[in-house]
């Protein structure tokens, strides 16, 4: 799915600039708005990463309980730290992306109810 994304055609600098526009809710040039909306929709759907990280943490915790060892304990601690650090970051980016989508509706979207 990632290879079919229109964002693949952009350079790294262009993707960073687009991400900055989505995160900071900056003005995005009108010709880049569809790409920025696509990026924001992608970022807004990444909450599942938290669930996946928690699932992996649960699996490693089960392995640690079933067969205790130092390296399993290390993996549980490392995965727990990664999850604890990444979850707020993912949620913050999701809020920013949803705000960008609300402030920049797609052409033809009529949310006024008229």
N, C-alpha and C. Protein backbone atom coordinates (compact mmCIF):
# COMPACT_ATOMS: atom_id res chain seq x y z
N UNK A 1 0.82 -1.19 0.00
CA UNK A 1 0.00 0.00 0.00
C UNK A 1 0.87 1.26 0.00
N UNK A 2 1.99 1.20 0.69
CA UNK A 2 2.85 2.39 0.77
C UNK A 2 3.40 2.77 -0.60
N UNK A 3 3.65 1.78 -1.45
CA UNK A 3 4.21 2.08 -2.77
C UNK A 3 3.18 2.71 -3.70
N UNK A 4 1.89 2.55 -3.40
CA UNK A 4 0.85 3.16 -4.23
C UNK A 4 0.52 4.57 -3.78
N UNK A 5 1.11 5.02 -2.71
CA UNK A 5 0.83 6.35 -2.18
C UNK A 5 1.41 7.42 -3.10
N UNK A 6 0.68 8.51 -3.31
CA UNK A 6 1.24 9.60 -4.12
C UNK A 6 2.40 10.31 -3.43
N UNK A 7 2.58 10.07 -2.15
CA UNK A 7 3.67 10.72 -1.42
C UNK A 7 5.03 10.13 -1.78
N UNK A 8 5.05 8.95 -2.39
CA UNK A 8 6.30 8.30 -2.76
C UNK A 8 7.04 9.13 -3.81
N UNK A 9 6.30 9.83 -4.66
CA UNK A 9 6.93 10.61 -5.73
C UNK A 9 7.63 11.87 -5.22
N UNK A 10 7.35 12.27 -3.99
CA UNK A 10 7.96 13.47 -3.44
C UNK A 10 9.37 13.18 -2.92
N UNK A 11 10.19 14.22 -2.92
CA UNK A 11 11.51 14.09 -2.31
C UNK A 11 11.37 14.12 -0.79
N UNK A 12 12.43 13.78 -0.12
CA UNK A 12 12.39 13.78 1.34
C UNK A 12 12.09 15.18 1.88
N UNK A 13 12.70 16.19 1.30
CA UNK A 13 12.46 17.56 1.73
C UNK A 13 11.03 18.00 1.51
N UNK A 14 10.45 17.57 0.39
CA UNK A 14 9.06 17.93 0.11
C UNK A 14 8.11 17.25 1.09
N UNK A 15 8.40 15.98 1.42
CA UNK A 15 7.56 15.27 2.41
C UNK A 15 7.67 15.93 3.78
N UNK A 16 8.89 16.33 4.16
CA UNK A 16 9.07 16.99 5.46
C UNK A 16 8.31 18.31 5.50
N UNK A 17 8.38 19.08 4.41
CA UNK A 17 7.66 20.36 4.36
C UNK A 17 6.16 20.13 4.44
N UNK A 18 5.68 19.10 3.76
CA UNK A 18 4.25 18.79 3.80
C UNK A 18 3.83 18.36 5.20
N UNK A 19 4.66 17.53 5.85
CA UNK A 19 4.36 17.09 7.21
C UNK A 19 4.37 18.27 8.17
N UNK A 20 5.29 19.20 7.97
CA UNK A 20 5.34 20.40 8.82
C UNK A 20 4.05 21.21 8.64
N UNK A 21 3.58 21.32 7.41
CA UNK A 21 2.34 22.04 7.16
C UNK A 21 1.15 21.39 7.84
N UNK A 22 1.13 20.06 7.87
CA UNK A 22 0.03 19.34 8.53
C UNK A 22 0.14 19.47 10.04
N UNK A 23 1.34 19.29 10.58
CA UNK A 23 1.53 19.34 12.04
C UNK A 23 1.22 20.72 12.60
N UNK A 24 1.74 21.73 11.95
CA UNK A 24 1.61 23.10 12.48
C UNK A 24 0.39 23.82 11.94
N UNK A 25 -0.40 23.13 11.10
CA UNK A 25 -1.60 23.71 10.50
C UNK A 25 -1.26 24.99 9.74
N UNK A 26 -0.11 24.99 9.08
CA UNK A 26 0.33 26.13 8.28
C UNK A 26 -0.45 26.16 6.97
N UNK A 27 -0.33 27.27 6.28
CA UNK A 27 -0.93 27.36 4.96
C UNK A 27 -0.16 26.47 4.01
N UNK A 28 -0.89 25.64 3.31
CA UNK A 28 -0.30 24.75 2.32
C UNK A 28 -0.69 25.29 0.96
N UNK A 29 0.25 25.34 0.01
CA UNK A 29 -0.11 25.83 -1.33
C UNK A 29 -1.30 25.04 -1.89
N UNK A 30 -2.19 25.70 -2.59
CA UNK A 30 -3.39 25.01 -3.10
C UNK A 30 -3.08 23.79 -3.96
N UNK A 31 -1.97 23.80 -4.69
CA UNK A 31 -1.64 22.65 -5.52
C UNK A 31 -1.16 21.46 -4.68
N UNK A 32 -0.75 21.70 -3.45
CA UNK A 32 -0.29 20.62 -2.55
C UNK A 32 -1.36 20.20 -1.54
N UNK A 33 -2.50 20.87 -1.54
CA UNK A 33 -3.53 20.57 -0.54
C UNK A 33 -4.04 19.14 -0.62
N UNK A 34 -4.31 18.59 -1.81
CA UNK A 34 -4.74 17.18 -1.84
C UNK A 34 -3.69 16.22 -1.25
N UNK A 35 -2.41 16.49 -1.51
CA UNK A 35 -1.36 15.66 -0.93
C UNK A 35 -1.30 15.83 0.59
N UNK A 36 -1.46 17.07 1.04
CA UNK A 36 -1.44 17.32 2.49
C UNK A 36 -2.62 16.64 3.16
N UNK A 37 -3.78 16.66 2.53
CA UNK A 37 -4.95 15.97 3.09
C UNK A 37 -4.71 14.46 3.14
N UNK A 38 -4.10 13.92 2.08
CA UNK A 38 -3.79 12.48 2.06
C UNK A 38 -2.83 12.13 3.21
N UNK A 39 -1.81 12.95 3.39
CA UNK A 39 -0.86 12.72 4.48
C UNK A 39 -1.55 12.81 5.84
N UNK A 40 -2.41 13.81 6.00
CA UNK A 40 -3.12 13.97 7.27
C UNK A 40 -4.05 12.78 7.54
N UNK A 41 -4.71 12.27 6.50
CA UNK A 41 -5.57 11.10 6.68
C UNK A 41 -4.75 9.88 7.07
N UNK A 42 -3.56 9.75 6.51
CA UNK A 42 -2.68 8.64 6.86
C UNK A 42 -2.22 8.74 8.31
N UNK A 43 -1.81 9.93 8.72
CA UNK A 43 -1.34 10.13 10.09
C UNK A 43 -2.50 9.94 11.08
N UNK A 44 -3.69 10.38 10.70
CA UNK A 44 -4.84 10.26 11.60
C UNK A 44 -5.23 8.80 11.82
N UNK A 45 -4.82 7.92 10.93
CA UNK A 45 -5.16 6.51 11.09
C UNK A 45 -4.09 5.68 11.75
N UNK A 46 -3.12 6.29 12.37
CA UNK A 46 -2.01 5.53 12.95
C UNK A 46 -2.19 5.19 14.41
N UNK A 47 -3.36 5.40 14.96
CA UNK A 47 -3.61 5.05 16.36
C UNK A 47 -3.46 3.55 16.59
N UNK A 48 -3.70 2.77 15.54
CA UNK A 48 -3.59 1.32 15.65
C UNK A 48 -2.18 0.89 16.05
N UNK A 49 -1.18 1.72 15.79
CA UNK A 49 0.19 1.39 16.16
C UNK A 49 0.33 1.21 17.67
N UNK A 50 -0.43 1.97 18.44
CA UNK A 50 -0.39 1.83 19.90
C UNK A 50 -0.90 0.45 20.30
N UNK A 51 -2.00 0.03 19.68
CA UNK A 51 -2.58 -1.29 19.99
C UNK A 51 -1.59 -2.40 19.61
N UNK A 52 -0.95 -2.24 18.47
CA UNK A 52 0.02 -3.25 18.03
C UNK A 52 1.19 -3.31 19.01
N UNK A 53 1.71 -2.16 19.43
CA UNK A 53 2.81 -2.15 20.41
C UNK A 53 2.39 -2.79 21.72
N UNK A 54 1.17 -2.52 22.17
CA UNK A 54 0.69 -3.14 23.41
C UNK A 54 0.53 -4.64 23.25
N UNK A 55 0.10 -5.09 22.08
CA UNK A 55 0.00 -6.52 21.82
C UNK A 55 1.35 -7.21 21.86
N UNK A 56 2.34 -6.58 21.26
CA UNK A 56 3.70 -7.14 21.29
C UNK A 56 4.23 -7.17 22.72
N UNK A 57 3.96 -6.11 23.47
CA UNK A 57 4.37 -6.07 24.88
C UNK A 57 3.71 -7.21 25.67
N UNK A 58 2.45 -7.45 25.40
CA UNK A 58 1.74 -8.53 26.09
C UNK A 58 2.33 -9.89 25.72
N UNK A 59 2.66 -10.08 24.46
CA UNK A 59 3.27 -11.34 24.03
C UNK A 59 4.61 -11.56 24.74
N UNK A 60 5.46 -10.53 24.77
CA UNK A 60 6.76 -10.68 25.42
C UNK A 60 6.63 -10.86 26.93
N UNK A 61 5.62 -10.23 27.52
CA UNK A 61 5.38 -10.44 28.95
C UNK A 61 4.96 -11.88 29.22
N UNK A 62 4.12 -12.41 28.36
CA UNK A 62 3.73 -13.82 28.50
C UNK A 62 4.92 -14.75 28.35
N UNK A 63 5.79 -14.45 27.40
CA UNK A 63 7.00 -15.25 27.23
C UNK A 63 7.90 -15.18 28.47
N UNK A 64 7.97 -13.99 29.06
CA UNK A 64 8.79 -13.81 30.26
C UNK A 64 8.23 -14.62 31.42
N UNK A 65 6.91 -14.63 31.55
CA UNK A 65 6.28 -15.39 32.64
C UNK A 65 6.47 -16.90 32.40
N UNK A 66 6.30 -17.33 31.16
CA UNK A 66 6.40 -18.76 30.85
C UNK A 66 7.83 -19.28 30.96
N UNK A 67 8.79 -18.46 30.58
CA UNK A 67 10.18 -18.90 30.58
C UNK A 67 11.07 -17.71 30.94
N UNK A 68 11.21 -17.43 32.23
CA UNK A 68 11.98 -16.25 32.65
C UNK A 68 13.44 -16.30 32.21
N UNK A 69 13.89 -15.17 31.70
CA UNK A 69 15.30 -15.02 31.37
C UNK A 69 15.61 -13.52 31.32
N UNK A 70 16.89 -13.21 31.40
CA UNK A 70 17.30 -11.81 31.42
C UNK A 70 17.02 -11.12 30.10
N UNK A 71 17.24 -11.82 28.99
CA UNK A 71 17.03 -11.18 27.70
C UNK A 71 15.56 -10.92 27.44
N UNK A 72 14.67 -11.81 27.91
CA UNK A 72 13.23 -11.55 27.77
C UNK A 72 12.82 -10.36 28.64
N UNK A 73 13.38 -10.28 29.82
CA UNK A 73 13.09 -9.13 30.68
C UNK A 73 13.55 -7.85 29.99
N UNK A 74 14.71 -7.90 29.37
CA UNK A 74 15.20 -6.73 28.65
C UNK A 74 14.27 -6.33 27.51
N UNK A 75 13.75 -7.30 26.77
CA UNK A 75 12.82 -6.99 25.68
C UNK A 75 11.51 -6.40 26.21
N UNK A 76 11.03 -6.92 27.33
CA UNK A 76 9.80 -6.37 27.91
C UNK A 76 10.01 -4.92 28.34
N UNK A 77 11.12 -4.66 29.00
CA UNK A 77 11.42 -3.30 29.46
C UNK A 77 11.62 -2.37 28.26
N UNK A 78 12.37 -2.83 27.25
CA UNK A 78 12.61 -2.00 26.07
C UNK A 78 11.30 -1.71 25.32
N UNK A 79 10.50 -2.74 25.11
CA UNK A 79 9.24 -2.55 24.42
C UNK A 79 8.30 -1.66 25.23
N UNK A 80 8.29 -1.82 26.54
CA UNK A 80 7.46 -0.95 27.39
C UNK A 80 7.89 0.50 27.30
N UNK A 81 9.19 0.72 27.27
CA UNK A 81 9.69 2.10 27.16
C UNK A 81 9.34 2.70 25.81
N UNK A 82 9.51 1.93 24.74
CA UNK A 82 9.18 2.41 23.40
C UNK A 82 7.69 2.75 23.31
N UNK A 83 6.85 1.89 23.86
CA UNK A 83 5.40 2.13 23.83
C UNK A 83 5.05 3.36 24.66
N UNK A 84 5.65 3.50 25.82
CA UNK A 84 5.35 4.65 26.68
C UNK A 84 5.77 5.96 26.05
N UNK A 85 6.86 5.95 25.30
CA UNK A 85 7.34 7.17 24.65
C UNK A 85 6.56 7.46 23.37
N UNK A 86 6.26 6.42 22.61
CA UNK A 86 5.64 6.63 21.30
C UNK A 86 4.14 6.91 21.37
N UNK A 87 3.44 6.39 22.35
CA UNK A 87 1.98 6.57 22.42
C UNK A 87 1.57 8.04 22.48
N UNK A 88 2.12 8.85 23.38
CA UNK A 88 1.72 10.26 23.39
C UNK A 88 2.09 10.99 22.11
N UNK A 89 3.21 10.62 21.50
CA UNK A 89 3.64 11.24 20.26
C UNK A 89 2.66 10.91 19.13
N UNK A 90 2.25 9.64 19.04
CA UNK A 90 1.29 9.22 18.02
C UNK A 90 -0.04 9.93 18.22
N UNK A 91 -0.52 10.00 19.47
CA UNK A 91 -1.79 10.66 19.75
C UNK A 91 -1.73 12.15 19.45
N UNK A 92 -0.61 12.79 19.74
CA UNK A 92 -0.46 14.22 19.45
C UNK A 92 -0.50 14.46 17.94
N UNK A 93 0.21 13.64 17.18
CA UNK A 93 0.20 13.79 15.73
C UNK A 93 -1.18 13.51 15.15
N UNK A 94 -1.90 12.57 15.74
CA UNK A 94 -3.26 12.28 15.28
C UNK A 94 -4.18 13.48 15.50
N UNK A 95 -4.09 14.10 16.68
CA UNK A 95 -4.92 15.29 16.95
C UNK A 95 -4.60 16.41 15.97
N UNK A 96 -3.32 16.62 15.71
CA UNK A 96 -2.93 17.68 14.77
C UNK A 96 -3.43 17.39 13.36
N UNK A 97 -3.33 16.13 12.94
CA UNK A 97 -3.80 15.77 11.60
C UNK A 97 -5.31 15.94 11.49
N UNK A 98 -6.05 15.55 12.52
CA UNK A 98 -7.51 15.71 12.48
C UNK A 98 -7.89 17.20 12.48
N UNK A 99 -7.13 18.01 13.19
CA UNK A 99 -7.38 19.46 13.16
C UNK A 99 -7.13 20.02 11.77
N UNK A 100 -6.05 19.56 11.13
CA UNK A 100 -5.75 20.01 9.77
C UNK A 100 -6.87 19.61 8.82
N UNK A 101 -7.37 18.37 8.95
CA UNK A 101 -8.45 17.92 8.08
C UNK A 101 -9.72 18.73 8.31
N UNK A 102 -9.99 19.09 9.56
CA UNK A 102 -11.18 19.89 9.86
C UNK A 102 -11.04 21.31 9.31
N UNK A 103 -9.84 21.84 9.36
CA UNK A 103 -9.62 23.21 8.87
C UNK A 103 -9.49 23.29 7.36
N UNK A 104 -9.19 22.17 6.72
CA UNK A 104 -9.01 22.15 5.27
C UNK A 104 -9.90 21.05 4.68
N UNK A 105 -11.21 21.28 4.61
CA UNK A 105 -12.10 20.24 4.09
C UNK A 105 -11.83 19.96 2.62
N UNK A 106 -12.15 18.76 2.21
CA UNK A 106 -11.97 18.37 0.81
C UNK A 106 -12.96 19.14 -0.06
N UNK A 107 -12.57 19.46 -1.27
CA UNK A 107 -13.50 20.15 -2.17
C UNK A 107 -14.76 19.30 -2.37
N UNK A 108 -15.90 19.94 -2.27
CA UNK A 108 -17.16 19.23 -2.44
C UNK A 108 -17.75 18.72 -1.15
N UNK A 109 -16.97 18.76 -0.05
CA UNK A 109 -17.52 18.35 1.25
C UNK A 109 -18.43 19.44 1.75
N UNK A 110 -19.66 19.08 2.05
CA UNK A 110 -20.61 20.05 2.59
C UNK A 110 -20.93 19.64 4.01
N UNK A 111 -20.20 20.22 4.96
CA UNK A 111 -20.42 19.89 6.37
C UNK A 111 -21.35 20.87 7.05
N UNK A 112 -21.88 21.83 6.29
CA UNK A 112 -22.76 22.83 6.91
C UNK A 112 -24.17 22.29 7.08
N UNK A 113 -24.51 21.20 6.36
CA UNK A 113 -25.83 20.63 6.52
C UNK A 113 -26.89 21.33 5.69
N UNK A 114 -26.52 22.25 4.83
CA UNK A 114 -27.50 22.99 4.03
C UNK A 114 -27.81 22.29 2.74
